[in-house]
Amino acid sequence: MIKETSTDAYDSIQDTIPEKQSAVYSIFKNEPDRDFTNEQVKEILGWEINRITPRVKELTDAGLIVVVGKREGKSGRLAETRQIVKHAEPLR
């Protein structure tokens, strides 16, 4: 289950991140225990891969999603899988 802090973090930035990033992030947010390849995100959104890859990199660089593994993609090559970051409780 996704932690409330992760949901709060997303909700607090949703109005500030670009629409395409928000659409990609929502894939991860809606299934927080699942990992996705860029190809899977492409298929879900129905976008070209060249629209997905930069958004995934931006979200990874922002610390909102993280690489969790690799698996074989449709091409037979290994593809990184990513999952939403499940934020720890804030330090007090």
N, C-alpha and C. Protein backbone atom coordinates (compact mmCIF):
# COMPACT_ATOMS: atom_id res chain seq x y z
N MET A 1 0.84 -1.18 0.00
CA MET A 1 0.00 0.00 0.00
C MET A 1 0.88 1.25 0.00
N ILE A 2 0.48 2.24 -0.72
CA ILE A 2 1.24 3.47 -0.80
C ILE A 2 1.09 4.26 0.50
N LYS A 3 2.19 4.80 0.97
CA LYS A 3 2.14 5.57 2.21
C LYS A 3 1.48 6.91 1.97
N GLU A 4 0.84 7.40 2.99
CA GLU A 4 0.15 8.68 2.90
C GLU A 4 1.11 9.80 2.55
N THR A 5 2.35 9.71 3.05
CA THR A 5 3.31 10.77 2.75
C THR A 5 3.63 10.84 1.27
N SER A 6 3.65 9.69 0.58
CA SER A 6 3.90 9.67 -0.85
C SER A 6 2.73 10.32 -1.59
N THR A 7 1.53 9.99 -1.18
CA THR A 7 0.35 10.60 -1.79
C THR A 7 0.34 12.10 -1.54
N ASP A 8 0.66 12.49 -0.32
CA ASP A 8 0.72 13.92 0.00
C ASP A 8 1.76 14.64 -0.84
N ALA A 9 2.92 14.00 -1.02
CA ALA A 9 3.98 14.60 -1.82
C ALA A 9 3.52 14.80 -3.25
N TYR A 10 2.86 13.80 -3.82
CA TYR A 10 2.36 13.92 -5.18
C TYR A 10 1.30 15.00 -5.28
N ASP A 11 0.35 14.98 -4.35
CA ASP A 11 -0.73 15.97 -4.38
C ASP A 11 -0.19 17.38 -4.27
N SER A 12 0.88 17.56 -3.51
CA SER A 12 1.43 18.90 -3.32
C SER A 12 2.15 19.42 -4.56
N ILE A 13 2.61 18.51 -5.42
CA ILE A 13 3.33 18.96 -6.63
C ILE A 13 2.51 18.82 -7.90
N GLN A 14 1.37 18.17 -7.82
CA GLN A 14 0.60 17.88 -9.03
C GLN A 14 0.30 19.13 -9.85
N ASP A 15 0.03 20.23 -9.19
CA ASP A 15 -0.27 21.46 -9.92
C ASP A 15 0.97 22.12 -10.50
N THR A 16 2.15 21.68 -10.07
CA THR A 16 3.37 22.32 -10.54
C THR A 16 4.13 21.50 -11.57
N ILE A 17 3.85 20.20 -11.67
CA ILE A 17 4.57 19.41 -12.67
C ILE A 17 3.80 19.44 -13.99
N PRO A 18 4.52 19.39 -15.08
CA PRO A 18 3.88 19.43 -16.39
C PRO A 18 2.87 18.29 -16.58
N GLU A 19 1.92 18.53 -17.46
CA GLU A 19 0.83 17.59 -17.71
C GLU A 19 1.34 16.20 -18.12
N LYS A 20 2.34 16.14 -18.99
CA LYS A 20 2.85 14.84 -19.44
C LYS A 20 3.50 14.07 -18.30
N GLN A 21 4.26 14.76 -17.44
CA GLN A 21 4.84 14.10 -16.27
C GLN A 21 3.74 13.58 -15.36
N SER A 22 2.72 14.37 -15.17
CA SER A 22 1.61 13.98 -14.31
C SER A 22 0.93 12.72 -14.84
N ALA A 23 0.73 12.65 -16.15
CA ALA A 23 0.09 11.48 -16.75
C ALA A 23 0.94 10.23 -16.54
N VAL A 24 2.25 10.35 -16.73
CA VAL A 24 3.15 9.21 -16.53
C VAL A 24 3.17 8.83 -15.05
N TYR A 25 3.29 9.82 -14.17
CA TYR A 25 3.35 9.53 -12.74
C TYR A 25 2.08 8.84 -12.26
N SER A 26 0.96 9.20 -12.82
CA SER A 26 -0.30 8.59 -12.38
C SER A 26 -0.32 7.08 -12.62
N ILE A 27 0.39 6.60 -13.64
CA ILE A 27 0.48 5.16 -13.90
C ILE A 27 1.10 4.47 -12.68
N PHE A 28 2.19 5.04 -12.19
CA PHE A 28 2.89 4.47 -11.04
C PHE A 28 2.08 4.64 -9.76
N LYS A 29 1.45 5.79 -9.61
CA LYS A 29 0.68 6.07 -8.40
C LYS A 29 -0.54 5.15 -8.28
N ASN A 30 -1.18 4.86 -9.39
CA ASN A 30 -2.38 4.03 -9.37
C ASN A 30 -2.10 2.56 -9.04
N GLU A 31 -0.87 2.12 -9.25
CA GLU A 31 -0.48 0.74 -8.93
C GLU A 31 0.87 0.76 -8.21
N PRO A 32 0.88 1.23 -6.97
CA PRO A 32 2.15 1.47 -6.27
C PRO A 32 2.99 0.23 -5.98
N ASP A 33 2.40 -0.95 -6.01
CA ASP A 33 3.17 -2.16 -5.73
C ASP A 33 3.64 -2.86 -7.00
N ARG A 34 3.40 -2.24 -8.14
CA ARG A 34 3.77 -2.82 -9.43
C ARG A 34 4.92 -2.03 -10.03
N ASP A 35 5.80 -2.71 -10.72
CA ASP A 35 6.87 -2.01 -11.45
C ASP A 35 6.54 -2.02 -12.94
N PHE A 36 7.04 -1.02 -13.64
CA PHE A 36 6.74 -0.84 -15.06
C PHE A 36 8.01 -0.56 -15.84
N THR A 37 8.05 -1.06 -17.07
CA THR A 37 9.08 -0.65 -18.03
C THR A 37 8.52 0.55 -18.79
N ASN A 38 9.40 1.26 -19.48
CA ASN A 38 8.93 2.37 -20.31
C ASN A 38 7.95 1.87 -21.37
N GLU A 39 8.22 0.68 -21.90
CA GLU A 39 7.34 0.10 -22.92
C GLU A 39 5.93 -0.13 -22.37
N GLN A 40 5.83 -0.58 -21.13
CA GLN A 40 4.52 -0.79 -20.53
C GLN A 40 3.78 0.53 -20.34
N VAL A 41 4.50 1.55 -19.90
CA VAL A 41 3.88 2.87 -19.73
C VAL A 41 3.40 3.37 -21.09
N LYS A 42 4.21 3.16 -22.12
CA LYS A 42 3.85 3.54 -23.49
C LYS A 42 2.54 2.89 -23.91
N GLU A 43 2.43 1.60 -23.65
CA GLU A 43 1.22 0.87 -24.03
C GLU A 43 -0.01 1.35 -23.26
N ILE A 44 0.15 1.64 -21.99
CA ILE A 44 -0.97 2.11 -21.17
C ILE A 44 -1.46 3.47 -21.64
N LEU A 45 -0.53 4.38 -21.90
CA LEU A 45 -0.91 5.74 -22.29
C LEU A 45 -1.21 5.87 -23.79
N GLY A 46 -0.68 4.93 -24.58
CA GLY A 46 -0.88 5.02 -26.03
C GLY A 46 -0.04 6.11 -26.68
N TRP A 47 1.07 6.45 -26.04
CA TRP A 47 1.98 7.47 -26.56
C TRP A 47 3.16 6.81 -27.26
N GLU A 48 3.90 7.61 -28.01
CA GLU A 48 5.15 7.16 -28.60
C GLU A 48 6.21 7.07 -27.49
N ILE A 49 7.15 6.15 -27.65
CA ILE A 49 8.18 5.94 -26.63
C ILE A 49 9.01 7.20 -26.40
N ASN A 50 9.18 8.02 -27.45
CA ASN A 50 9.99 9.24 -27.29
C ASN A 50 9.28 10.30 -26.44
N ARG A 51 8.01 10.10 -26.10
CA ARG A 51 7.31 10.97 -25.15
C ARG A 51 7.40 10.40 -23.74
N ILE A 52 7.58 9.09 -23.63
CA ILE A 52 7.61 8.42 -22.33
C ILE A 52 8.99 8.53 -21.68
N THR A 53 10.03 8.18 -22.42
CA THR A 53 11.37 8.08 -21.85
C THR A 53 11.83 9.35 -21.14
N PRO A 54 11.68 10.53 -21.74
CA PRO A 54 12.11 11.74 -21.02
C PRO A 54 11.29 12.00 -19.75
N ARG A 55 10.00 11.71 -19.79
CA ARG A 55 9.16 11.92 -18.60
C ARG A 55 9.57 11.00 -17.47
N VAL A 56 9.87 9.74 -17.81
CA VAL A 56 10.31 8.77 -16.81
C VAL A 56 11.64 9.22 -16.21
N LYS A 57 12.55 9.70 -17.04
CA LYS A 57 13.83 10.20 -16.53
C LYS A 57 13.62 11.38 -15.60
N GLU A 58 12.77 12.31 -15.99
CA GLU A 58 12.50 13.48 -15.15
C GLU A 58 11.92 13.07 -13.79
N LEU A 59 10.99 12.13 -13.80
CA LEU A 59 10.38 11.67 -12.55
C LEU A 59 11.39 10.90 -11.69
N THR A 60 12.29 10.15 -12.35
CA THR A 60 13.34 9.45 -11.62
C THR A 60 14.31 10.45 -11.01
N ASP A 61 14.73 11.43 -11.79
CA ASP A 61 15.65 12.47 -11.30
C ASP A 61 15.04 13.26 -10.14
N ALA A 62 13.71 13.42 -10.15
CA ALA A 62 13.01 14.16 -9.10
C ALA A 62 12.80 13.29 -7.85
N GLY A 63 13.14 12.01 -7.94
CA GLY A 63 13.00 11.12 -6.79
C GLY A 63 11.58 10.63 -6.55
N LEU A 64 10.73 10.73 -7.57
CA LEU A 64 9.33 10.29 -7.42
C LEU A 64 9.14 8.83 -7.82
N ILE A 65 10.00 8.34 -8.71
CA ILE A 65 10.00 6.92 -9.06
C ILE A 65 11.45 6.45 -9.01
N VAL A 66 11.64 5.14 -8.88
CA VAL A 66 12.98 4.60 -8.72
C VAL A 66 13.11 3.29 -9.50
N VAL A 67 14.32 3.03 -10.01
CA VAL A 67 14.61 1.77 -10.68
C VAL A 67 14.62 0.66 -9.63
N VAL A 68 13.87 -0.41 -9.90
CA VAL A 68 13.79 -1.52 -8.94
C VAL A 68 14.26 -2.84 -9.53
N GLY A 69 14.53 -2.87 -10.83
CA GLY A 69 14.98 -4.12 -11.43
C GLY A 69 15.08 -4.02 -12.93
N LYS A 70 15.20 -5.18 -13.55
CA LYS A 70 15.26 -5.29 -15.01
C LYS A 70 14.51 -6.54 -15.41
N ARG A 71 13.92 -6.49 -16.59
CA ARG A 71 13.32 -7.70 -17.17
C ARG A 71 13.35 -7.57 -18.69
N GLU A 72 13.19 -8.70 -19.33
CA GLU A 72 13.24 -8.73 -20.79
C GLU A 72 12.02 -8.03 -21.37
N GLY A 73 12.28 -7.14 -22.31
CA GLY A 73 11.21 -6.43 -23.00
C GLY A 73 10.82 -7.14 -24.28
N LYS A 74 9.93 -6.52 -25.04
CA LYS A 74 9.46 -7.11 -26.30
C LYS A 74 10.59 -7.35 -27.29
N SER A 75 11.61 -6.49 -27.24
CA SER A 75 12.72 -6.62 -28.18
C SER A 75 13.67 -7.76 -27.81
N GLY A 76 13.48 -8.33 -26.62
CA GLY A 76 14.38 -9.37 -26.14
C GLY A 76 15.53 -8.82 -25.32
N ARG A 77 15.64 -7.50 -25.25
CA ARG A 77 16.70 -6.87 -24.46
C ARG A 77 16.19 -6.58 -23.06
N LEU A 78 17.12 -6.45 -22.13
CA LEU A 78 16.73 -6.12 -20.76
C LEU A 78 16.30 -4.65 -20.69
N ALA A 79 15.23 -4.42 -19.96
CA ALA A 79 14.71 -3.06 -19.77
C ALA A 79 14.58 -2.81 -18.28
N GLU A 80 14.95 -1.61 -17.86
CA GLU A 80 14.79 -1.25 -16.45
C GLU A 80 13.32 -1.17 -16.09
N THR A 81 13.02 -1.59 -14.87
CA THR A 81 11.67 -1.43 -14.34
C THR A 81 11.72 -0.40 -13.22
N ARG A 82 10.66 0.37 -13.12
CA ARG A 82 10.59 1.41 -12.10
C ARG A 82 9.29 1.29 -11.33
N GLN A 83 9.33 1.85 -10.14
CA GLN A 83 8.19 1.82 -9.24
C GLN A 83 8.13 3.15 -8.49
N ILE A 84 6.96 3.49 -8.01
CA ILE A 84 6.81 4.70 -7.24
C ILE A 84 7.66 4.62 -5.98
N VAL A 85 8.22 5.74 -5.56
CA VAL A 85 8.97 5.79 -4.32
C VAL A 85 7.99 5.81 -3.17
N LYS A 86 8.19 4.91 -2.25
CA LYS A 86 7.36 4.85 -1.06
C LYS A 86 8.11 5.59 0.04
N HIS A 87 7.79 6.87 0.15
CA HIS A 87 8.51 7.75 1.07
C HIS A 87 8.43 7.27 2.51
N ALA A 88 9.54 7.41 3.19
CA ALA A 88 9.57 7.10 4.62
C ALA A 88 8.88 8.23 5.37
N GLU A 89 8.51 7.93 6.57
CA GLU A 89 7.90 8.96 7.41
C GLU A 89 8.94 10.07 7.62
N PRO A 90 8.49 11.33 7.67
CA PRO A 90 9.44 12.44 7.87
C PRO A 90 10.16 12.30 9.22
N LEU A 91 11.43 12.73 9.20
CA LEU A 91 12.20 12.74 10.45
C LEU A 91 11.68 13.84 11.35
N ARG A 92 11.72 13.60 12.62
CA ARG A 92 11.24 14.61 13.59
C ARG A 92 12.39 15.10 14.42
